[in-house]
Amino acid sequence: MAVDLSFYTSPLSEEIRDEGRAEGRAEGRAEMLLSALDVRGIGVTDTIREKITACPDPELLHRSLGRVFSATTAEEIFGE
């Protein structure tokens, strides 16, 4: 009996993989952002921590990471 593997090469399957990759990048960048804030000694409220960890956009998190080095508060990173 042959197994139909066409789903794994379908556009839907590729879209699912792409979403998983973006989610993984966002999680990794959120961890880096929180680590950078910790290293700089910048306190993070539960609200900001949730905003960082729930963010699905790896590019937004990447830009935010760049602002960590000039910010004095976590709120400054997001323009709050």
N, C-alpha and C. Protein backbone atom coordinates (compact mmCIF):
# COMPACT_ATOMS: atom_id res chain seq x y z
N MET A 1 0.84 -1.18 0.00
CA MET A 1 0.00 0.00 0.00
C MET A 1 0.89 1.25 0.00
N ALA A 2 0.69 2.10 -0.96
CA ALA A 2 1.47 3.33 -1.10
C ALA A 2 0.84 4.44 -0.25
N VAL A 3 1.69 5.24 0.33
CA VAL A 3 1.23 6.35 1.16
C VAL A 3 1.32 7.62 0.33
N ASP A 4 0.25 8.39 0.31
CA ASP A 4 0.22 9.65 -0.43
C ASP A 4 0.94 10.73 0.38
N LEU A 5 2.07 11.17 -0.13
CA LEU A 5 2.88 12.19 0.56
C LEU A 5 2.74 13.57 -0.08
N SER A 6 1.79 13.74 -0.99
CA SER A 6 1.66 15.00 -1.72
C SER A 6 1.37 16.18 -0.80
N PHE A 7 0.72 15.95 0.33
CA PHE A 7 0.45 17.05 1.26
C PHE A 7 1.73 17.74 1.68
N TYR A 8 2.80 16.99 1.87
CA TYR A 8 4.05 17.55 2.38
C TYR A 8 4.74 18.47 1.39
N THR A 9 4.33 18.43 0.14
CA THR A 9 4.90 19.32 -0.87
C THR A 9 3.87 20.35 -1.35
N SER A 10 2.73 20.40 -0.72
CA SER A 10 1.66 21.30 -1.14
C SER A 10 1.89 22.71 -0.63
N PRO A 11 1.25 23.70 -1.27
CA PRO A 11 1.36 25.08 -0.79
C PRO A 11 0.89 25.25 0.66
N LEU A 12 -0.15 24.53 1.06
CA LEU A 12 -0.63 24.61 2.44
C LEU A 12 0.43 24.12 3.42
N SER A 13 1.07 23.04 3.08
CA SER A 13 2.12 22.50 3.94
C SER A 13 3.28 23.50 4.06
N GLU A 14 3.65 24.12 2.96
CA GLU A 14 4.74 25.11 2.99
C GLU A 14 4.34 26.32 3.83
N GLU A 15 3.09 26.74 3.73
CA GLU A 15 2.60 27.86 4.53
C GLU A 15 2.67 27.54 6.02
N ILE A 16 2.29 26.34 6.37
CA ILE A 16 2.35 25.90 7.77
C ILE A 16 3.80 25.92 8.27
N ARG A 17 4.72 25.43 7.44
CA ARG A 17 6.14 25.44 7.83
C ARG A 17 6.66 26.86 7.98
N ASP A 18 6.27 27.76 7.05
CA ASP A 18 6.71 29.15 7.13
C ASP A 18 6.21 29.81 8.42
N GLU A 19 4.95 29.55 8.78
CA GLU A 19 4.41 30.12 10.01
C GLU A 19 5.18 29.60 11.23
N GLY A 20 5.53 28.34 11.20
CA GLY A 20 6.30 27.76 12.30
C GLY A 20 7.68 28.38 12.41
N ARG A 21 8.30 28.64 11.27
CA ARG A 21 9.63 29.27 11.27
C ARG A 21 9.54 30.68 11.84
N ALA A 22 8.54 31.46 11.41
CA ALA A 22 8.38 32.83 11.90
C ALA A 22 8.11 32.83 13.40
N GLU A 23 7.29 31.89 13.85
CA GLU A 23 7.00 31.79 15.27
C GLU A 23 8.27 31.47 16.06
N GLY A 24 9.09 30.59 15.54
CA GLY A 24 10.36 30.25 16.19
C GLY A 24 11.30 31.43 16.24
N ARG A 25 11.36 32.21 15.13
CA ARG A 25 12.21 33.41 15.13
C ARG A 25 11.71 34.42 16.15
N ALA A 26 10.39 34.60 16.23
CA ALA A 26 9.83 35.56 17.19
C ALA A 26 10.15 35.13 18.61
N GLU A 27 10.01 33.85 18.91
CA GLU A 27 10.31 33.37 20.27
C GLU A 27 11.78 33.60 20.61
N GLY A 28 12.66 33.30 19.67
CA GLY A 28 14.09 33.50 19.90
C GLY A 28 14.44 34.96 20.12
N ARG A 29 13.84 35.83 19.31
CA ARG A 29 14.14 37.25 19.46
C ARG A 29 13.54 37.82 20.74
N ALA A 30 12.40 37.30 21.15
CA ALA A 30 11.81 37.73 22.43
C ALA A 30 12.75 37.37 23.58
N GLU A 31 13.30 36.16 23.53
CA GLU A 31 14.25 35.74 24.57
C GLU A 31 15.49 36.63 24.56
N MET A 32 15.99 36.96 23.37
CA MET A 32 17.17 37.84 23.29
C MET A 32 16.85 39.22 23.85
N LEU A 33 15.69 39.74 23.51
CA LEU A 33 15.28 41.06 23.99
C LEU A 33 15.18 41.08 25.51
N LEU A 34 14.55 40.08 26.08
CA LEU A 34 14.44 40.00 27.54
C LEU A 34 15.81 39.84 28.20
N SER A 35 16.69 39.06 27.57
CA SER A 35 18.05 38.89 28.11
C SER A 35 18.82 40.20 28.06
N ALA A 36 18.69 40.92 26.96
CA ALA A 36 19.40 42.21 26.83
C ALA A 36 18.90 43.20 27.88
N LEU A 37 17.60 43.22 28.11
CA LEU A 37 17.07 44.10 29.15
C LEU A 37 17.62 43.71 30.52
N ASP A 38 17.70 42.42 30.77
CA ASP A 38 18.23 41.94 32.05
C ASP A 38 19.70 42.33 32.21
N VAL A 39 20.49 42.14 31.18
CA VAL A 39 21.92 42.48 31.23
C VAL A 39 22.11 43.97 31.48
N ARG A 40 21.26 44.79 30.87
CA ARG A 40 21.35 46.23 31.06
C ARG A 40 20.79 46.67 32.40
N GLY A 41 20.15 45.75 33.14
CA GLY A 41 19.58 46.10 34.43
C GLY A 41 18.29 46.89 34.32
N ILE A 42 17.61 46.76 33.19
CA ILE A 42 16.36 47.47 32.97
C ILE A 42 15.21 46.58 33.44
N GLY A 43 14.44 47.07 34.39
CA GLY A 43 13.31 46.30 34.91
C GLY A 43 12.21 46.12 33.88
N VAL A 44 11.58 44.98 33.92
CA VAL A 44 10.51 44.66 32.98
C VAL A 44 9.25 44.33 33.77
N THR A 45 8.20 45.09 33.53
CA THR A 45 6.93 44.81 34.19
C THR A 45 6.29 43.57 33.56
N ASP A 46 5.33 43.01 34.24
CA ASP A 46 4.61 41.86 33.68
C ASP A 46 3.93 42.23 32.37
N THR A 47 3.44 43.45 32.27
CA THR A 47 2.77 43.91 31.04
C THR A 47 3.75 43.94 29.87
N ILE A 48 4.93 44.49 30.10
CA ILE A 48 5.94 44.56 29.03
C ILE A 48 6.43 43.16 28.69
N ARG A 49 6.66 42.33 29.68
CA ARG A 49 7.10 40.94 29.43
C ARG A 49 6.07 40.21 28.56
N GLU A 50 4.80 40.38 28.87
CA GLU A 50 3.73 39.75 28.08
C GLU A 50 3.71 40.30 26.66
N LYS A 51 3.91 41.60 26.53
CA LYS A 51 3.93 42.23 25.19
C LYS A 51 5.07 41.65 24.36
N ILE A 52 6.22 41.45 24.98
CA ILE A 52 7.38 40.91 24.27
C ILE A 52 7.15 39.45 23.91
N THR A 53 6.74 38.64 24.87
CA THR A 53 6.62 37.20 24.62
C THR A 53 5.44 36.86 23.72
N ALA A 54 4.43 37.72 23.66
CA ALA A 54 3.26 37.46 22.83
C ALA A 54 3.40 38.02 21.42
N CYS A 55 4.45 38.79 21.17
CA CYS A 55 4.61 39.42 19.86
C CYS A 55 4.93 38.37 18.79
N PRO A 56 4.13 38.29 17.73
CA PRO A 56 4.36 37.30 16.69
C PRO A 56 5.27 37.79 15.57
N ASP A 57 5.71 39.06 15.64
CA ASP A 57 6.46 39.68 14.55
C ASP A 57 7.96 39.70 14.85
N PRO A 58 8.73 38.80 14.23
CA PRO A 58 10.17 38.76 14.52
C PRO A 58 10.89 40.04 14.11
N GLU A 59 10.41 40.73 13.08
CA GLU A 59 11.06 41.97 12.65
C GLU A 59 10.84 43.10 13.66
N LEU A 60 9.65 43.19 14.23
CA LEU A 60 9.38 44.19 15.26
C LEU A 60 10.28 43.93 16.48
N LEU A 61 10.41 42.68 16.86
CA LEU A 61 11.27 42.34 17.98
C LEU A 61 12.73 42.65 17.67
N HIS A 62 13.14 42.45 16.43
CA HIS A 62 14.52 42.76 16.03
C HIS A 62 14.77 44.27 16.15
N ARG A 63 13.82 45.08 15.68
CA ARG A 63 13.98 46.54 15.80
C ARG A 63 13.98 46.96 17.27
N SER A 64 13.15 46.31 18.07
CA SER A 64 13.09 46.62 19.50
C SER A 64 14.41 46.29 20.18
N LEU A 65 15.03 45.19 19.76
CA LEU A 65 16.31 44.80 20.33
C LEU A 65 17.36 45.87 20.08
N GLY A 66 17.33 46.50 18.93
CA GLY A 66 18.26 47.59 18.64
C GLY A 66 18.08 48.78 19.56
N ARG A 67 16.86 49.01 20.02
CA ARG A 67 16.59 50.15 20.91
C ARG A 67 16.97 49.88 22.36
N VAL A 68 17.22 48.62 22.70
CA VAL A 68 17.58 48.27 24.08
C VAL A 68 18.86 49.00 24.50
N PHE A 69 19.76 49.23 23.58
CA PHE A 69 21.07 49.76 23.93
C PHE A 69 21.06 51.25 24.22
N SER A 70 20.00 51.95 23.83
CA SER A 70 19.92 53.37 24.14
C SER A 70 18.79 53.69 25.12
N ALA A 71 17.95 52.72 25.41
CA ALA A 71 16.81 52.95 26.31
C ALA A 71 17.25 52.92 27.77
N THR A 72 16.52 53.64 28.59
CA THR A 72 16.75 53.59 30.03
C THR A 72 15.61 52.87 30.74
N THR A 73 14.48 52.69 30.03
CA THR A 73 13.35 51.93 30.58
C THR A 73 12.82 51.00 29.49
N ALA A 74 12.18 49.93 29.89
CA ALA A 74 11.60 49.00 28.93
C ALA A 74 10.50 49.67 28.11
N GLU A 75 9.78 50.59 28.70
CA GLU A 75 8.71 51.28 27.99
C GLU A 75 9.23 52.09 26.80
N GLU A 76 10.45 52.63 26.91
CA GLU A 76 11.04 53.41 25.82
C GLU A 76 11.24 52.57 24.56
N ILE A 77 11.46 51.30 24.74
CA ILE A 77 11.73 50.42 23.62
C ILE A 77 10.53 50.35 22.68
N PHE A 78 9.34 50.46 23.24
CA PHE A 78 8.12 50.39 22.44
C PHE A 78 7.47 51.74 22.24
N GLY A 79 8.18 52.82 22.58
CA GLY A 79 7.65 54.16 22.39
C GLY A 79 6.49 54.49 23.31
N GLU A 80 6.49 53.90 24.48
CA GLU A 80 5.40 54.15 25.44
C GLU A 80 5.82 55.21 26.43
